[in-house]
């Protein structure tokens, strides 16, 4: 831990799925944690966390949280409209050269999976430009596909039966466990040697959708069947259920990635000193989420 960690680490996005894990990891290392949330009364954060009200859409509301804070973990959870004002405020409140750890996306990675049109790309690019122009020492973390995505994509089908209907059975990704993303974030938040670094975070292996489903089947002790959908069938099945353009975004990425292994990095091992969790590990730890619906 560096000497700057006498000041609390400010976690912006502390009640989300990654931010909440970052809070827990920081607390385990004895770091003072300050959490920004719009509704402190609903935050349900551990005792010892300094919970402060603030809203990214109202930049001046961040002043109380920024005052006296050290390193900032920034997970953007709003429209981009106020991004530059928020970042300017982070820079203005620095009692010393403040460092920011920003959770971005791997759109700068050359693999075609990450080079397709993406509704979040413009947001991340704008925030990264603003951080650079503010001359903040910034660590960029770029997690790839999250293992937990399949909880939203496949778990309802698996709880209801043994067949998953999904496109691109043989396209490979390298899903990363959110716990590894949070652990990396906590480490770089408390070590100034990671200032101005840029890390793409992935799971340790390239696995097809079909292989990922097989891993879940092994974890729950049930053989699962992959029923491959065409792109048009997938669009029809997600129409009105998913946010607009999300299906097209994923389909274009999967289509571009056909026939090649996923982009895999060793960043988790390099930073934490232990290997990233495999998708099989993740499936075993989350088997209960795929349990059958009682009839």
Protein backbone atom coordinates (compact mmCIF):
# COMPACT_ATOMS: atom_id res chain seq x y z
CA UNK A 1 0.00 0.00 0.00
CA UNK A 2 1.36 3.45 -0.85
CA UNK A 3 1.52 6.36 1.53
CA UNK A 4 -1.27 8.16 -0.35
CA UNK A 5 -3.70 5.53 0.97
CA UNK A 6 -3.93 7.36 4.29
CA UNK A 7 -6.73 9.15 2.44
CA UNK A 8 -9.89 7.17 1.66
CA UNK A 9 -10.32 5.56 -1.72
CA UNK A 10 -13.45 6.93 -3.39
CA UNK A 11 -15.47 4.29 -5.24
CA UNK A 12 -17.86 5.77 -7.83
CA UNK A 13 -20.34 3.08 -8.82
CA UNK A 14 -20.04 1.35 -5.44
CA UNK A 15 -23.44 -0.34 -5.44
CA UNK A 16 -23.12 -1.98 -8.87
CA UNK A 17 -21.94 -5.54 -9.46
CA UNK A 18 -18.26 -4.60 -9.93
CA UNK A 19 -18.13 -1.61 -7.60
CA UNK A 20 -19.58 -3.58 -4.69
CA UNK A 21 -16.86 -6.22 -5.07
CA UNK A 22 -14.19 -3.50 -5.23
CA UNK A 23 -15.49 -2.09 -1.93
CA UNK A 24 -15.24 -5.53 -0.30
CA UNK A 25 -11.70 -6.15 -1.60
CA UNK A 26 -10.49 -2.77 -0.42
CA UNK A 27 -11.96 -3.31 3.04
CA UNK A 28 -10.18 -6.66 3.32
CA UNK A 29 -6.85 -4.89 2.84
CA UNK A 30 -7.62 -2.35 5.56
CA UNK A 31 -8.12 0.60 3.24
CA UNK A 32 -10.53 3.40 4.16
CA UNK A 33 -13.37 3.34 1.65
CA UNK A 34 -15.71 6.14 0.68
CA UNK A 35 -18.65 5.16 -1.55
CA UNK A 36 -20.61 7.49 -3.81
CA UNK A 37 -24.27 6.64 -4.33
CA UNK A 38 -27.41 8.52 -5.29
CA UNK A 39 -29.40 6.89 -2.49
CA UNK A 40 -27.26 6.27 0.61
CA UNK A 41 -30.24 4.91 2.53
CA UNK A 42 -30.53 2.06 0.01
CA UNK A 43 -26.81 1.34 -0.45
CA UNK A 44 -26.56 -1.66 1.95
CA UNK A 45 -22.78 -1.32 2.13
CA UNK A 46 -20.67 -2.83 4.93
CA UNK A 47 -20.09 -1.10 8.23
CA UNK A 48 -17.05 1.12 8.10
CA UNK A 49 -17.72 2.42 4.59
CA UNK A 50 -18.21 6.18 4.42
CA UNK A 51 -21.33 6.40 2.25
CA UNK A 52 -21.77 9.82 0.62
CA UNK A 53 -24.64 11.04 -1.54
CA UNK A 54 -23.81 12.19 -5.05
CA UNK A 55 -25.10 11.96 -8.61
CA UNK A 56 -22.95 11.85 -11.76
CA UNK A 57 -25.59 13.86 -13.60
CA UNK A 58 -25.15 16.71 -11.07
CA UNK A 59 -21.37 17.31 -10.99
CA UNK A 60 -21.43 19.73 -8.05
CA UNK A 61 -23.07 17.02 -5.92
CA UNK A 62 -19.74 15.14 -5.95
CA UNK A 63 -17.87 17.78 -3.98
CA UNK A 64 -18.50 16.25 -0.54
CA UNK A 65 -17.33 12.82 -1.71
CA UNK A 66 -14.22 14.19 -3.44
CA UNK A 67 -13.12 16.40 -0.56
CA UNK A 68 -10.12 14.73 1.07
CA UNK A 69 -10.36 11.56 -1.00
CA UNK A 70 -7.29 9.90 -2.45
CA UNK A 71 -7.42 7.55 -5.42
CA UNK A 72 -10.75 7.40 -7.28
CA UNK A 73 -12.31 4.29 -8.82
CA UNK A 74 -14.53 5.51 -11.66
CA UNK A 75 -17.23 3.29 -13.05
CA UNK A 76 -19.46 5.50 -15.19
CA UNK A 77 -23.16 4.80 -14.71
CA UNK A 78 -24.85 7.78 -16.38
CA UNK A 79 -25.30 9.38 -19.78
CA UNK A 80 -22.12 11.02 -21.10
CA UNK A 81 -23.52 14.55 -20.93
CA UNK A 82 -21.81 15.50 -17.67
CA UNK A 83 -18.67 13.37 -18.05
CA UNK A 84 -16.25 16.24 -18.70
CA UNK A 85 -17.64 18.31 -15.83
CA UNK A 86 -17.32 15.39 -13.44
CA UNK A 87 -13.73 14.70 -14.47
CA UNK A 88 -12.84 18.38 -14.21
CA UNK A 89 -14.24 18.35 -10.69
CA UNK A 90 -12.18 15.27 -9.78
CA UNK A 91 -9.06 17.07 -10.99
CA UNK A 92 -9.95 20.34 -9.23
CA UNK A 93 -10.40 18.66 -5.85
CA UNK A 94 -6.96 17.07 -5.79
CA UNK A 95 -4.89 18.13 -2.78
CA UNK A 96 -2.02 16.32 -4.48
CA UNK A 97 -1.81 14.78 -7.96
CA UNK A 98 -4.87 12.56 -7.81
CA UNK A 99 -4.95 9.18 -9.52
CA UNK A 100 -8.00 7.65 -11.17
CA UNK A 101 -8.66 3.99 -11.98
CA UNK A 102 -11.21 3.93 -14.79
CA UNK A 103 -13.19 0.81 -15.73
CA UNK A 104 -13.38 1.05 -19.51
CA UNK A 105 -13.71 -1.51 -22.32
CA UNK A 106 -11.20 -3.27 -24.62
CA UNK A 107 -12.14 -1.34 -27.76
CA UNK A 108 -8.47 -0.52 -28.41
CA UNK A 109 -7.64 -4.23 -28.60
CA UNK A 110 -6.89 -5.33 -32.21
CA UNK A 111 -9.00 -8.52 -32.06
CA UNK A 112 -12.01 -8.14 -34.42
CA UNK A 113 -14.45 -9.12 -31.63
CA UNK A 114 -13.72 -5.78 -29.95
CA UNK A 115 -13.60 -3.68 -33.12
CA UNK A 116 -17.27 -3.92 -34.11
CA UNK A 117 -19.77 -1.06 -33.62
CA UNK A 118 -20.61 -0.76 -29.93
CA UNK A 119 -23.03 1.63 -28.28
CA UNK A 120 -20.66 2.07 -25.31
CA UNK A 121 -17.53 2.76 -27.34
CA UNK A 122 -18.17 6.48 -27.82
CA UNK A 123 -18.82 6.92 -24.09
CA UNK A 124 -15.57 5.22 -23.09
CA UNK A 125 -13.55 7.10 -25.71
CA UNK A 126 -14.97 10.42 -24.53
CA UNK A 127 -14.21 9.67 -20.89
CA UNK A 128 -10.67 8.54 -21.68
CA UNK A 129 -10.05 11.74 -23.67
CA UNK A 130 -11.38 13.84 -20.80
CA UNK A 131 -9.16 12.04 -18.28
CA UNK A 132 -6.10 12.59 -20.47
CA UNK A 133 -6.89 16.28 -21.03
CA UNK A 134 -7.36 16.77 -17.28
CA UNK A 135 -3.79 15.47 -16.84
CA UNK A 136 -4.90 12.98 -14.21
CA UNK A 137 -2.67 9.99 -13.63
CA UNK A 138 -5.02 7.31 -14.91
CA UNK A 139 -5.01 3.53 -14.82
CA UNK A 140 -7.34 2.06 -17.45
CA UNK A 141 -8.82 -1.38 -16.87
CA UNK A 142 -10.43 -3.03 -19.90
CA UNK A 143 -12.32 -6.18 -18.97
CA UNK A 144 -13.56 -8.31 -21.84
CA UNK A 145 -16.66 -10.49 -21.78
CA UNK A 146 -17.92 -11.16 -18.25
CA UNK A 147 -18.59 -14.77 -17.25
CA UNK A 148 -21.71 -13.57 -15.43
CA UNK A 149 -23.32 -12.51 -18.71
CA UNK A 150 -24.61 -16.06 -19.06
CA UNK A 151 -26.69 -15.58 -15.91
CA UNK A 152 -28.80 -13.15 -17.92
CA UNK A 153 -28.47 -14.94 -21.25
CA UNK A 154 -28.84 -18.62 -20.38
CA UNK A 155 -29.88 -19.15 -16.76
CA UNK A 156 -33.64 -18.70 -17.39
CA UNK A 157 -33.54 -21.35 -20.13
CA UNK A 158 -31.44 -23.75 -18.02
CA UNK A 159 -33.70 -23.37 -15.00
CA UNK A 160 -36.65 -24.23 -17.22
CA UNK A 161 -35.12 -27.14 -19.16
CA UNK A 162 -32.01 -28.70 -20.69
CA UNK A 163 -31.78 -26.75 -23.95
CA UNK A 164 -30.24 -23.34 -24.59
CA UNK A 165 -31.21 -21.60 -27.81
CA UNK A 166 -28.40 -19.24 -28.83
CA UNK A 167 -26.44 -18.16 -31.93
CA UNK A 168 -22.82 -18.80 -32.88
CA UNK A 169 -22.21 -22.03 -30.98
CA UNK A 170 -18.55 -22.22 -31.98
CA UNK A 171 -17.48 -18.61 -31.54
CA UNK A 172 -14.88 -18.32 -28.78
CA UNK A 173 -14.57 -15.74 -26.01
CA UNK A 174 -12.43 -15.60 -22.86
CA UNK A 175 -14.95 -14.84 -20.09
CA UNK A 176 -13.56 -13.17 -17.00
CA UNK A 177 -14.86 -13.60 -13.47
CA UNK A 178 -15.99 -10.28 -12.00
CA UNK A 179 -14.19 -11.16 -8.78
CA UNK A 180 -10.90 -11.03 -10.69
CA UNK A 181 -11.77 -7.64 -12.20
CA UNK A 182 -12.56 -6.28 -8.73
CA UNK A 183 -9.40 -7.77 -7.21
CA UNK A 184 -7.26 -6.16 -9.93
CA UNK A 185 -9.03 -2.84 -9.39
CA UNK A 186 -8.42 -2.98 -5.64
CA UNK A 187 -4.74 -3.79 -6.19
CA UNK A 188 -4.06 -0.95 -8.63
CA UNK A 189 -6.07 1.50 -6.52
CA UNK A 190 -3.61 0.99 -3.67
CA UNK A 191 -0.34 0.88 -5.62
CA UNK A 192 0.93 4.04 -7.31
CA UNK A 193 3.28 2.01 -9.52
CA UNK A 194 0.26 1.28 -11.74
CA UNK A 195 -0.31 4.97 -12.54
CA UNK A 196 -0.73 5.67 -16.27
CA UNK A 197 -1.05 1.95 -17.07
CA UNK A 198 -3.51 0.28 -19.43
CA UNK A 199 -4.57 -3.35 -18.86
CA UNK A 200 -6.87 -5.62 -20.87
CA UNK A 201 -8.38 -8.18 -18.48
CA UNK A 202 -9.64 -11.54 -19.73
CA UNK A 203 -10.21 -15.01 -18.45
CA UNK A 204 -7.33 -17.48 -18.87
CA UNK A 205 -8.77 -19.54 -21.74
CA UNK A 206 -10.56 -19.26 -25.05
CA UNK A 207 -13.87 -21.16 -24.96
CA UNK A 208 -16.69 -21.49 -27.45
CA UNK A 209 -20.28 -20.82 -26.42
CA UNK A 210 -20.86 -24.56 -26.72
CA UNK A 211 -17.92 -25.31 -24.40
CA UNK A 212 -19.15 -22.76 -21.87
CA UNK A 213 -22.56 -24.41 -21.83
CA UNK A 214 -20.88 -27.80 -21.36
CA UNK A 215 -18.98 -26.38 -18.35
CA UNK A 216 -22.25 -25.24 -16.79
CA UNK A 217 -23.76 -28.66 -17.40
CA UNK A 218 -20.82 -30.29 -15.62
CA UNK A 219 -21.21 -27.88 -12.70
CA UNK A 220 -24.91 -28.65 -12.22
CA UNK A 221 -24.71 -32.35 -13.06
CA UNK A 222 -27.04 -32.19 -16.06
CA UNK A 223 -26.25 -32.62 -19.75
CA UNK A 224 -27.26 -29.45 -21.59
CA UNK A 225 -28.04 -29.12 -25.28
CA UNK A 226 -26.98 -26.15 -27.43
CA UNK A 227 -29.59 -25.39 -30.09
CA UNK A 228 -28.00 -22.97 -32.51
CA UNK A 229 -30.10 -20.05 -33.71
CA UNK A 230 -29.56 -18.03 -36.87
CA UNK A 231 -28.92 -14.32 -36.47
CA UNK A 232 -32.45 -13.53 -37.62
CA UNK A 233 -33.99 -16.02 -35.19
CA UNK A 234 -31.96 -14.44 -32.38
CA UNK A 235 -33.13 -10.95 -33.35
CA UNK A 236 -36.75 -12.08 -33.32
CA UNK A 237 -36.42 -13.79 -29.93
CA UNK A 238 -34.80 -10.76 -28.30
CA UNK A 239 -37.00 -8.13 -29.97
CA UNK A 240 -38.84 -6.14 -27.32
CA UNK A 241 -36.96 -7.94 -24.54
CA UNK A 242 -33.43 -6.57 -24.90
CA UNK A 243 -32.39 -2.91 -25.15
CA UNK A 244 -32.44 -1.55 -28.66
CA UNK A 245 -29.36 -2.40 -30.76
CA UNK A 246 -27.87 -4.77 -28.16
CA UNK A 247 -28.62 -7.88 -30.21
CA UNK A 248 -27.09 -6.36 -33.35
CA UNK A 249 -24.00 -5.26 -31.41
CA UNK A 250 -23.36 -8.79 -30.11
CA UNK A 251 -24.16 -10.47 -33.40
CA UNK A 252 -21.69 -8.30 -35.29
CA UNK A 253 -18.97 -9.03 -32.72
CA UNK A 254 -19.58 -12.79 -32.76
CA UNK A 255 -19.70 -12.83 -36.55
CA UNK A 256 -16.35 -11.03 -36.79
CA UNK A 257 -14.77 -13.44 -34.30
CA UNK A 258 -15.70 -16.63 -36.15
CA UNK A 259 -12.90 -19.08 -36.81
CA UNK A 260 -10.31 -17.68 -34.42
CA UNK A 261 -9.50 -18.01 -30.75
CA UNK A 262 -10.45 -15.29 -28.31
CA UNK A 263 -8.03 -12.58 -27.27
CA UNK A 264 -6.45 -13.77 -23.99
CA UNK A 265 -4.12 -11.82 -21.70
CA UNK A 266 -2.19 -12.72 -18.58
CA UNK A 267 -2.84 -9.36 -16.90
CA UNK A 268 -4.75 -10.83 -13.95
CA UNK A 269 -1.87 -13.17 -13.07
CA UNK A 270 0.72 -10.43 -13.62
CA UNK A 271 -1.04 -7.99 -11.28
CA UNK A 272 -2.37 -10.37 -8.61
CA UNK A 273 0.33 -13.03 -8.69
CA UNK A 274 -2.28 -15.79 -9.05
CA UNK A 275 -4.00 -17.10 -12.19
CA UNK A 276 -7.37 -15.78 -13.27
CA UNK A 277 -10.31 -18.00 -12.39
CA UNK A 278 -11.42 -20.29 -15.21
CA UNK A 279 -14.95 -20.37 -16.56
CA UNK A 280 -15.26 -23.85 -15.04
CA UNK A 281 -14.40 -22.33 -11.65
CA UNK A 282 -17.00 -19.64 -12.16
CA UNK A 283 -19.67 -22.15 -13.21
CA UNK A 284 -19.03 -24.34 -10.16
CA UNK A 285 -19.26 -21.35 -7.84
CA UNK A 286 -22.52 -20.19 -9.43
CA UNK A 287 -24.21 -23.56 -9.99
CA UNK A 288 -27.14 -22.68 -7.74
CA UNK A 289 -28.18 -19.90 -10.13
CA UNK A 290 -28.92 -22.52 -12.80
CA UNK A 291 -31.00 -24.84 -10.61
CA UNK A 292 -34.27 -26.08 -12.05
CA UNK A 293 -37.45 -24.19 -11.34
CA UNK A 294 -39.60 -26.20 -8.93
CA UNK A 295 -42.75 -27.49 -10.61
